[in-house]
Amino acid sequence: MREADGFVAIEDINPRADVHLLVIPERHVPSFREIGEFEPVEAKRMLEFVADTAREAGLEDYRVIVNVGEGAGQTIFHLHWHILGGHATGLP
């Protein structure tokens, strides 16, 4: 687990890749649709946290995915970012 002011990164309990991490803001926002609720500085810090988390996991090449809505596979309605590295399953 990795933490920074307002954000946390954890391993996904149902990994879809060799490395599958979730970056979660502590503040509740249901999905990426509501990203505007974050002040620009806070949104920038969140994206930097995503990039720093991938780097600290030793990833150079990786995917960052955000599922928005049930139709896109969102099952947890709290904004979170998936970081996937290495061989991924079930993805195009």
PDB file of N, CA and C in Angstrom:
ATOM      1  N   MET A   1       0.847  -1.185   0.000  1.00  0.00           N
ATOM      2  CA  MET A   1       0.000   0.000   0.000  1.00  0.00           C
ATOM      3  C   MET A   1       0.888   1.242   0.000  1.00  0.00           C
ATOM      4  N   ARG A   2       0.451   2.246  -0.727  1.00  0.00           N
ATOM      5  CA  ARG A   2       1.161   3.519  -0.820  1.00  0.00           C
ATOM      6  C   ARG A   2       0.158   4.625  -0.525  1.00  0.00           C
ATOM      7  N   GLU A   3       0.589   5.626   0.228  1.00  0.00           N
ATOM      8  CA  GLU A   3      -0.304   6.730   0.575  1.00  0.00           C
ATOM      9  C   GLU A   3       0.391   8.065   0.336  1.00  0.00           C
ATOM     10  N   ALA A   4      -0.412   9.040  -0.007  1.00  0.00           N
ATOM     11  CA  ALA A   4       0.029  10.431  -0.081  1.00  0.00           C
ATOM     12  C   ALA A   4      -1.165  11.256   0.361  1.00  0.00           C
ATOM     13  N   ASP A   5      -0.953  12.506   0.582  1.00  0.00           N
ATOM     14  CA  ASP A   5      -2.010  13.374   1.080  1.00  0.00           C
ATOM     15  C   ASP A   5      -3.259  13.283   0.204  1.00  0.00           C
ATOM     16  N   GLY A   6      -4.274  12.567   0.677  1.00  0.00           N
ATOM     17  CA  GLY A   6      -5.545  12.489  -0.010  1.00  0.00           C
ATOM     18  C   GLY A   6      -5.731  11.312  -0.953  1.00  0.00           C
ATOM     19  N   PHE A   7      -4.697  10.486  -1.138  1.00  0.00           N
ATOM     20  CA  PHE A   7      -4.775   9.372  -2.079  1.00  0.00           C
ATOM     21  C   PHE A   7      -4.120   8.122  -1.494  1.00  0.00           C
ATOM     22  N   VAL A   8      -4.584   6.968  -1.971  1.00  0.00           N
ATOM     23  CA  VAL A   8      -4.004   5.703  -1.553  1.00  0.00           C
ATOM     24  C   VAL A   8      -3.915   4.792  -2.777  1.00  0.00           C
ATOM     25  N   ALA A   9      -2.917   3.926  -2.799  1.00  0.00           N
ATOM     26  CA  ALA A   9      -2.777   2.923  -3.853  1.00  0.00           C
ATOM     27  C   ALA A   9      -2.715   1.553  -3.185  1.00  0.00           C
ATOM     28  N   ILE A  10      -3.501   0.621  -3.703  1.00  0.00           N
ATOM     29  CA  ILE A  10      -3.536  -0.739  -3.168  1.00  0.00           C
ATOM     30  C   ILE A  10      -3.511  -1.731  -4.323  1.00  0.00           C
ATOM     31  N   GLU A  11      -3.212  -3.000  -4.011  1.00  0.00           N
ATOM     32  CA  GLU A  11      -3.281  -4.049  -5.015  1.00  0.00           C
ATOM     33  C   GLU A  11      -4.734  -4.445  -5.216  1.00  0.00           C
ATOM     34  N   ASP A  12      -5.112  -4.694  -6.473  1.00  0.00           N
ATOM     35  CA  ASP A  12      -6.467  -5.136  -6.784  1.00  0.00           C
ATOM     36  C   ASP A  12      -6.639  -6.570  -6.284  1.00  0.00           C
ATOM     37  N   ILE A  13      -7.786  -6.877  -5.654  1.00  0.00           N
ATOM     38  CA  ILE A  13      -8.014  -8.229  -5.130  1.00  0.00           C
ATOM     39  C   ILE A  13      -8.385  -9.217  -6.237  1.00  0.00           C
ATOM     40  N   ASN A  14      -8.706  -8.704  -7.432  1.00  0.00           N
ATOM     41  CA  ASN A  14      -9.022  -9.553  -8.577  1.00  0.00           C
ATOM     42  C   ASN A  14      -8.180  -9.075  -9.765  1.00  0.00           C
ATOM     43  N   PRO A  15      -6.850  -9.301  -9.703  1.00  0.00           N
ATOM     44  CA  PRO A  15      -5.958  -8.714 -10.702  1.00  0.00           C
ATOM     45  C   PRO A  15      -6.226  -9.214 -12.117  1.00  0.00           C
ATOM     46  N   ARG A  16      -6.112  -8.276 -13.069  1.00  0.00           N
ATOM     47  CA  ARG A  16      -6.270  -8.569 -14.497  1.00  0.00           C
ATOM     48  C   ARG A  16      -4.944  -8.461 -15.235  1.00  0.00           C
ATOM     49  N   ALA A  17      -3.852  -8.290 -14.481  1.00  0.00           N
ATOM     50  CA  ALA A  17      -2.514  -8.179 -15.075  1.00  0.00           C
ATOM     51  C   ALA A  17      -1.492  -8.610 -14.027  1.00  0.00           C
ATOM     52  N   ASP A  18      -0.247  -8.793 -14.492  1.00  0.00           N
ATOM     53  CA  ASP A  18       0.820  -9.173 -13.564  1.00  0.00           C
ATOM     54  C   ASP A  18       0.916  -8.179 -12.404  1.00  0.00           C
ATOM     55  N   VAL A  19       0.802  -6.902 -12.733  1.00  0.00           N
ATOM     56  CA  VAL A  19       0.719  -5.844 -11.722  1.00  0.00           C
ATOM     57  C   VAL A  19      -0.614  -5.146 -11.943  1.00  0.00           C
ATOM     58  N   HIS A  20      -1.447  -5.103 -10.906  1.00  0.00           N
ATOM     59  CA  HIS A  20      -2.748  -4.439 -11.011  1.00  0.00           C
ATOM     60  C   HIS A  20      -2.977  -3.676  -9.712  1.00  0.00           C
ATOM     61  N   LEU A  21      -2.804  -2.377  -9.805  1.00  0.00           N
ATOM     62  CA  LEU A  21      -2.950  -1.503  -8.644  1.00  0.00           C
ATOM     63  C   LEU A  21      -4.156  -0.595  -8.834  1.00  0.00           C
ATOM     64  N   LEU A  22      -4.734  -0.176  -7.732  1.00  0.00           N
ATOM     65  CA  LEU A  22      -5.830   0.786  -7.744  1.00  0.00           C
ATOM     66  C   LEU A  22      -5.372   2.041  -7.029  1.00  0.00           C
ATOM     67  N   VAL A  23      -5.605   3.180  -7.628  1.00  0.00           N
ATOM     68  CA  VAL A  23      -5.340   4.468  -6.991  1.00  0.00           C
ATOM     69  C   VAL A  23      -6.699   5.074  -6.665  1.00  0.00           C
ATOM     70  N   ILE A  24      -6.877   5.401  -5.395  1.00  0.00           N
ATOM     71  CA  ILE A  24      -8.178   5.830  -4.895  1.00  0.00           C
ATOM     72  C   ILE A  24      -8.032   7.156  -4.143  1.00  0.00           C
ATOM     73  N   PRO A  25      -8.823   8.157  -4.522  1.00  0.00           N
ATOM     74  CA  PRO A  25      -8.825   9.380  -3.713  1.00  0.00           C
ATOM     75  C   PRO A  25      -9.612   9.121  -2.429  1.00  0.00           C
ATOM     76  N   GLU A  26      -9.160   9.719  -1.341  1.00  0.00           N
ATOM     77  CA  GLU A  26      -9.879   9.550  -0.076  1.00  0.00           C
ATOM     78  C   GLU A  26     -11.248  10.226  -0.121  1.00  0.00           C
ATOM     79  N   ARG A  27     -11.333  11.338  -0.838  1.00  0.00           N
ATOM     80  CA  ARG A  27     -12.603  12.055  -0.940  1.00  0.00           C
ATOM     81  C   ARG A  27     -13.524  11.293  -1.882  1.00  0.00           C
ATOM     82  N   HIS A  28     -14.788  11.142  -1.480  1.00  0.00           N
ATOM     83  CA  HIS A  28     -15.731  10.386  -2.307  1.00  0.00           C
ATOM     84  C   HIS A  28     -16.200  11.189  -3.507  1.00  0.00           C
ATOM     85  N   VAL A  29     -15.983  10.610  -4.669  1.00  0.00           N
ATOM     86  CA  VAL A  29     -16.512  11.085  -5.943  1.00  0.00           C
ATOM     87  C   VAL A  29     -16.968   9.815  -6.642  1.00  0.00           C
ATOM     88  N   PRO A  30     -18.241   9.736  -7.069  1.00  0.00           N
ATOM     89  CA  PRO A  30     -18.767   8.474  -7.597  1.00  0.00           C
ATOM     90  C   PRO A  30     -18.043   7.923  -8.824  1.00  0.00           C
ATOM     91  N   SER A  31     -17.665   8.795  -9.762  1.00  0.00           N
ATOM     92  CA  SER A  31     -17.004   8.313 -10.975  1.00  0.00           C
ATOM     93  C   SER A  31     -16.217   9.448 -11.619  1.00  0.00           C
ATOM     94  N   PHE A  32     -15.564   9.127 -12.715  1.00  0.00           N
ATOM     95  CA  PHE A  32     -14.796  10.123 -13.455  1.00  0.00           C
ATOM     96  C   PHE A  32     -15.682  11.241 -13.994  1.00  0.00           C
ATOM     97  N   ARG A  33     -16.976  10.977 -14.150  1.00  0.00           N
ATOM     98  CA  ARG A  33     -17.905  12.019 -14.616  1.00  0.00           C
ATOM     99  C   ARG A  33     -17.847  13.255 -13.711  1.00  0.00           C
ATOM    100  N   GLU A  34     -17.591  13.039 -12.441  1.00  0.00           N
ATOM    101  CA  GLU A  34     -17.577  14.124 -11.459  1.00  0.00           C
ATOM    102  C   GLU A  34     -16.172  14.650 -11.180  1.00  0.00           C
ATOM    103  N   ILE A  35     -15.226  14.425 -12.085  1.00  0.00           N
ATOM    104  CA  ILE A  35     -13.838  14.845 -11.870  1.00  0.00           C
ATOM    105  C   ILE A  35     -13.737  16.351 -11.619  1.00  0.00           C
ATOM    106  N   GLY A  36     -14.688  17.115 -12.119  1.00  0.00           N
ATOM    107  CA  GLY A  36     -14.693  18.557 -11.921  1.00  0.00           C
ATOM    108  C   GLY A  36     -14.868  18.966 -10.469  1.00  0.00           C
ATOM    109  N   GLU A  37     -15.247  18.029  -9.597  1.00  0.00           N
ATOM    110  CA  GLU A  37     -15.364  18.334  -8.172  1.00  0.00           C
ATOM    111  C   GLU A  37     -13.999  18.534  -7.521  1.00  0.00           C
ATOM    112  N   PHE A  38     -12.949  18.061  -8.193  1.00  0.00           N
ATOM    113  CA  PHE A  38     -11.589  18.265  -7.687  1.00  0.00           C
ATOM    114  C   PHE A  38     -11.073  19.606  -8.193  1.00  0.00           C
ATOM    115  N   GLU A  39     -10.448  20.350  -7.319  1.00  0.00           N
ATOM    116  CA  GLU A  39      -9.777  21.574  -7.736  1.00  0.00           C
ATOM    117  C   GLU A  39      -8.653  21.180  -8.704  1.00  0.00           C
ATOM    118  N   PRO A  40      -8.296  22.041  -9.653  1.00  0.00           N
ATOM    119  CA  PRO A  40      -7.243  21.695 -10.613  1.00  0.00           C
ATOM    120  C   PRO A  40      -5.945  21.222  -9.959  1.00  0.00           C
ATOM    121  N   VAL A  41      -5.547  21.854  -8.876  1.00  0.00           N
ATOM    122  CA  VAL A  41      -4.307  21.449  -8.200  1.00  0.00           C
ATOM    123  C   VAL A  41      -4.442  20.027  -7.636  1.00  0.00           C
ATOM    124  N   GLU A  42      -5.606  19.718  -7.090  1.00  0.00           N
ATOM    125  CA  GLU A  42      -5.839  18.390  -6.523  1.00  0.00           C
ATOM    126  C   GLU A  42      -5.891  17.330  -7.631  1.00  0.00           C
ATOM    127  N   ALA A  43      -6.522  17.643  -8.760  1.00  0.00           N
ATOM    128  CA  ALA A  43      -6.575  16.709  -9.890  1.00  0.00           C
ATOM    129  C   ALA A  43      -5.165  16.438 -10.415  1.00  0.00           C
ATOM    130  N   LYS A  44      -4.345  17.482 -10.488  1.00  0.00           N
ATOM    131  CA  LYS A  44      -2.951  17.317 -10.924  1.00  0.00           C
ATOM    132  C   LYS A  44      -2.186  16.421  -9.955  1.00  0.00           C
ATOM    133  N   ARG A  45      -2.371  16.639  -8.657  1.00  0.00           N
ATOM    134  CA  ARG A  45      -1.689  15.800  -7.664  1.00  0.00           C
ATOM    135  C   ARG A  45      -2.129  14.342  -7.801  1.00  0.00           C
ATOM    136  N   MET A  46      -3.412  14.116  -8.113  1.00  0.00           N
ATOM    137  CA  MET A  46      -3.914  12.755  -8.264  1.00  0.00           C
ATOM    138  C   MET A  46      -3.227  12.075  -9.456  1.00  0.00           C
ATOM    139  N   LEU A  47      -3.128  12.776 -10.583  1.00  0.00           N
ATOM    140  CA  LEU A  47      -2.474  12.196 -11.751  1.00  0.00           C
ATOM    141  C   LEU A  47      -0.989  11.956 -11.495  1.00  0.00           C
ATOM    142  N   GLU A  48      -0.351  12.871 -10.789  1.00  0.00           N
ATOM    143  CA  GLU A  48       1.053  12.665 -10.428  1.00  0.00           C
ATOM    144  C   GLU A  48       1.205  11.452  -9.515  1.00  0.00           C
ATOM    145  N   PHE A  49       0.247  11.256  -8.612  1.00  0.00           N
ATOM    146  CA  PHE A  49       0.274  10.101  -7.715  1.00  0.00           C
ATOM    147  C   PHE A  49       0.131   8.804  -8.523  1.00  0.00           C
ATOM    148  N   VAL A  50      -0.733   8.815  -9.540  1.00  0.00           N
ATOM    149  CA  VAL A  50      -0.879   7.642 -10.412  1.00  0.00           C
ATOM    150  C   VAL A  50       0.465   7.328 -11.070  1.00  0.00           C
ATOM    151  N   ALA A  51       1.103   8.326 -11.672  1.00  0.00           N
ATOM    152  CA  ALA A  51       2.386   8.125 -12.358  1.00  0.00           C
ATOM    153  C   ALA A  51       3.482   7.689 -11.386  1.00  0.00           C
ATOM    154  N   ASP A  52       3.542   8.316 -10.215  1.00  0.00           N
ATOM    155  CA  ASP A  52       4.554   7.950  -9.211  1.00  0.00           C
ATOM    156  C   ASP A  52       4.340   6.527  -8.700  1.00  0.00           C
ATOM    157  N   THR A  53       3.088   6.120  -8.544  1.00  0.00           N
ATOM    158  CA  THR A  53       2.776   4.764  -8.079  1.00  0.00           C
ATOM    159  C   THR A  53       3.263   3.741  -9.095  1.00  0.00           C
ATOM    160  N   ALA A  54       3.015   3.987 -10.373  1.00  0.00           N
ATOM    161  CA  ALA A  54       3.483   3.073 -11.423  1.00  0.00           C
ATOM    162  C   ALA A  54       5.011   2.990 -11.416  1.00  0.00           C
ATOM    163  N   ARG A  55       5.660   4.131 -11.303  1.00  0.00           N
ATOM    164  CA  ARG A  55       7.124   4.164 -11.286  1.00  0.00           C
ATOM    165  C   ARG A  55       7.661   3.394 -10.080  1.00  0.00           C
ATOM    166  N   GLU A  56       7.073   3.605  -8.914  1.00  0.00           N
ATOM    167  CA  GLU A  56       7.532   2.911  -7.707  1.00  0.00           C
ATOM    168  C   GLU A  56       7.276   1.405  -7.772  1.00  0.00           C
ATOM    169  N   ALA A  57       6.296   0.993  -8.579  1.00  0.00           N
ATOM    170  CA  ALA A  57       6.030  -0.439  -8.772  1.00  0.00           C
ATOM    171  C   ALA A  57       6.997  -1.035  -9.792  1.00  0.00           C
ATOM    172  N   GLY A  58       7.884  -0.210 -10.353  1.00  0.00           N
ATOM    173  CA  GLY A  58       8.880  -0.690 -11.306  1.00  0.00           C
ATOM    174  C   GLY A  58       8.365  -0.778 -12.737  1.00  0.00           C
ATOM    175  N   LEU A  59       7.250  -0.121 -13.012  1.00  0.00           N
ATOM    176  CA  LEU A  59       6.659  -0.197 -14.343  1.00  0.00           C
ATOM    177  C   LEU A  59       7.182   0.917 -15.242  1.00  0.00           C
ATOM    178  N   GLU A  60       7.579   0.551 -16.460  1.00  0.00           N
ATOM    179  CA  GLU A  60       7.910   1.537 -17.483  1.00  0.00           C
ATOM    180  C   GLU A  60       6.779   1.622 -18.496  1.00  0.00           C
ATOM    181  N   ASP A  61       6.249   0.468 -18.855  1.00  0.00           N
ATOM    182  CA  ASP A  61       5.141   0.387 -19.799  1.00  0.00           C
ATOM    183  C   ASP A  61       3.933  -0.140 -19.043  1.00  0.00           C
ATOM    184  N   TYR A  62       2.826   0.576 -19.118  1.00  0.00           N
ATOM    185  CA  TYR A  62       1.641   0.187 -18.357  1.00  0.00           C
ATOM    186  C   TYR A  62       0.414   0.877 -18.924  1.00  0.00           C
ATOM    187  N   ARG A  63      -0.751   0.417 -18.475  1.00  0.00           N
ATOM    188  CA  ARG A  63      -2.024   1.042 -18.837  1.00  0.00           C
ATOM    189  C   ARG A  63      -2.597   1.719 -17.612  1.00  0.00           C
ATOM    190  N   VAL A  64      -3.290   2.828 -17.834  1.00  0.00           N
ATOM    191  CA  VAL A  64      -4.069   3.483 -16.789  1.00  0.00           C
ATOM    192  C   VAL A  64      -5.503   3.504 -17.302  1.00  0.00           C
ATOM    193  N   ILE A  65      -6.393   2.894 -16.536  1.00  0.00           N
ATOM    194  CA  ILE A  65      -7.777   2.741 -16.972  1.00  0.00           C
ATOM    195  C   ILE A  65      -8.723   3.277 -15.906  1.00  0.00           C
ATOM    196  N   VAL A  66      -9.765   3.965 -16.360  1.00  0.00           N
ATOM    197  CA  VAL A  66     -10.853   4.398 -15.492  1.00  0.00           C
ATOM    198  C   VAL A  66     -12.147   3.918 -16.138  1.00  0.00           C
ATOM    199  N   ASN A  67     -12.884   3.066 -15.460  1.00  0.00           N
ATOM    200  CA  ASN A  67     -14.185   2.621 -15.945  1.00  0.00           C
ATOM    201  C   ASN A  67     -15.231   3.627 -15.473  1.00  0.00           C
ATOM    202  N   VAL A  68     -16.068   4.093 -16.397  1.00  0.00           N
ATOM    203  CA  VAL A  68     -17.067   5.108 -16.069  1.00  0.00           C
ATOM    204  C   VAL A  68     -18.451   4.541 -16.370  1.00  0.00           C
ATOM    205  N   GLY A  69     -19.171   4.173 -15.328  1.00  0.00           N
ATOM    206  CA  GLY A  69     -20.524   3.629 -15.471  1.00  0.00           C
ATOM    207  C   GLY A  69     -20.559   2.119 -15.589  1.00  0.00           C
ATOM    208  N   GLU A  70     -21.706   1.561 -15.252  1.00  0.00           N
ATOM    209  CA  GLU A  70     -21.887   0.107 -15.292  1.00  0.00           C
ATOM    210  C   GLU A  70     -21.591  -0.474 -16.661  1.00  0.00           C
ATOM    211  N   GLY A  71     -22.045   0.202 -17.713  1.00  0.00           N
ATOM    212  CA  GLY A  71     -21.839  -0.293 -19.066  1.00  0.00           C
ATOM    213  C   GLY A  71     -20.379  -0.406 -19.455  1.00  0.00           C
ATOM    214  N   ALA A  72     -19.518   0.322 -18.756  1.00  0.00           N
ATOM    215  CA  ALA A  72     -18.080   0.282 -19.017  1.00  0.00           C
ATOM    216  C   ALA A  72     -17.351  -0.606 -18.019  1.00  0.00           C
ATOM    217  N   GLY A  73     -18.102  -1.283 -17.153  1.00  0.00           N
ATOM    218  CA  GLY A  73     -17.479  -2.203 -16.207  1.00  0.00           C
ATOM    219  C   GLY A  73     -17.244  -1.652 -14.820  1.00  0.00           C
ATOM    220  N   GLN A  74     -17.722  -0.445 -14.529  1.00  0.00           N
ATOM    221  CA  GLN A  74     -17.534   0.095 -13.188  1.00  0.00           C
ATOM    222  C   GLN A  74     -18.448  -0.651 -12.214  1.00  0.00           C
ATOM    223  N   THR A  75     -17.839  -1.240 -11.178  1.00  0.00           N
ATOM    224  CA  THR A  75     -18.614  -1.976 -10.169  1.00  0.00           C
ATOM    225  C   THR A  75     -18.531  -1.322  -8.801  1.00  0.00           C
ATOM    226  N   ILE A  76     -17.523  -0.504  -8.586  1.00  0.00           N
ATOM    227  CA  ILE A  76     -17.360   0.256  -7.346  1.00  0.00           C
ATOM    228  C   ILE A  76     -17.572   1.717  -7.698  1.00  0.00           C
ATOM    229  N   PHE A  77     -18.580   2.340  -7.098  1.00  0.00           N
ATOM    230  CA  PHE A  77     -18.923   3.703  -7.463  1.00  0.00           C
ATOM    231  C   PHE A  77     -18.267   4.709  -6.524  1.00  0.00           C
ATOM    232  N   HIS A  78     -16.944   4.673  -6.597  1.00  0.00           N
ATOM    233  CA  HIS A  78     -16.030   5.618  -5.961  1.00  0.00           C
ATOM    234  C   HIS A  78     -14.878   5.726  -6.959  1.00  0.00           C
ATOM    235  N   LEU A  79     -14.612   6.928  -7.460  1.00  0.00           N
ATOM    236  CA  LEU A  79     -13.575   7.107  -8.472  1.00  0.00           C
ATOM    237  C   LEU A  79     -12.303   6.358  -8.101  1.00  0.00           C
ATOM    238  N   HIS A  80     -11.767   5.612  -9.046  1.00  0.00           N
ATOM    239  CA  HIS A  80     -10.473   4.958  -8.855  1.00  0.00           C
ATOM    240  C   HIS A  80      -9.839   4.707 -10.214  1.00  0.00           C
ATOM    241  N   TRP A  81      -8.529   4.646 -10.218  1.00  0.00           N
ATOM    242  CA  TRP A  81      -7.727   4.441 -11.420  1.00  0.00           C
ATOM    243  C   TRP A  81      -7.085   3.066 -11.332  1.00  0.00           C
ATOM    244  N   HIS A  82      -7.127   2.302 -12.423  1.00  0.00           N
ATOM    245  CA  HIS A  82      -6.444   1.015 -12.506  1.00  0.00           C
ATOM    246  C   HIS A  82      -5.100   1.234 -13.185  1.00  0.00           C
ATOM    247  N   ILE A  83      -4.042   0.719 -12.568  1.00  0.00           N
ATOM    248  CA  ILE A  83      -2.721   0.706 -13.189  1.00  0.00           C
ATOM    249  C   ILE A  83      -2.415  -0.751 -13.480  1.00  0.00           C
ATOM    250  N   LEU A  84      -2.230  -1.082 -14.755  1.00  0.00           N
ATOM    251  CA  LEU A  84      -1.971  -2.465 -15.155  1.00  0.00           C
ATOM    252  C   LEU A  84      -0.629  -2.552 -15.872  1.00  0.00           C
ATOM    253  N   GLY A  85       0.222  -3.447 -15.393  1.00  0.00           N
ATOM    254  CA  GLY A  85       1.522  -3.647 -15.999  1.00  0.00           C
ATOM    255  C   GLY A  85       1.801  -5.116 -16.239  1.00  0.00           C
ATOM    256  N   GLY A  86       2.609  -5.406 -17.227  1.00  0.00           N
ATOM    257  CA  GLY A  86       2.904  -6.797 -17.564  1.00  0.00           C
ATOM    258  C   GLY A  86       1.780  -7.387 -18.397  1.00  0.00           C
ATOM    259  N   HIS A  87       1.716  -8.695 -18.411  1.00  0.00           N
ATOM    260  CA  HIS A  87       0.703  -9.393 -19.201  1.00  0.00           C
ATOM    261  C   HIS A  87      -0.678  -9.150 -18.596  1.00  0.00           C
ATOM    262  N   ALA A  88      -1.618  -8.667 -19.424  1.00  0.00           N
ATOM    263  CA  ALA A  88      -2.991  -8.400 -18.974  1.00  0.00           C
ATOM    264  C   ALA A  88      -3.918  -9.448 -19.575  1.00  0.00           C
ATOM    265  N   THR A  89      -4.968  -9.817 -18.827  1.00  0.00           N
ATOM    266  CA  THR A  89      -5.965 -10.764 -19.309  1.00  0.00           C
ATOM    267  C   THR A  89      -7.308 -10.064 -19.457  1.00  0.00           C
ATOM    268  N   GLY A  90      -8.055 -10.481 -20.456  1.00  0.00           N
ATOM    269  CA  GLY A  90      -9.404  -9.947 -20.643  1.00  0.00           C
ATOM    270  C   GLY A  90      -9.468  -8.524 -21.139  1.00  0.00           C
ATOM    271  N   LEU A  91      -8.370  -8.021 -21.701  1.00  0.00           N
ATOM    272  CA  LEU A  91      -8.331  -6.647 -22.236  1.00  0.00           C
ATOM    273  C   LEU A  91      -7.914  -6.692 -23.694  1.00  0.00           C
ATOM    274  N   PRO A  92      -8.411  -5.755 -24.494  1.00  0.00           N
ATOM    275  CA  PRO A  92      -7.987  -5.726 -25.914  1.00  0.00           C
ATOM    276  C   PRO A  92      -6.543  -5.321 -26.055  1.00  0.00           C
TER     277      PRO A  92
END
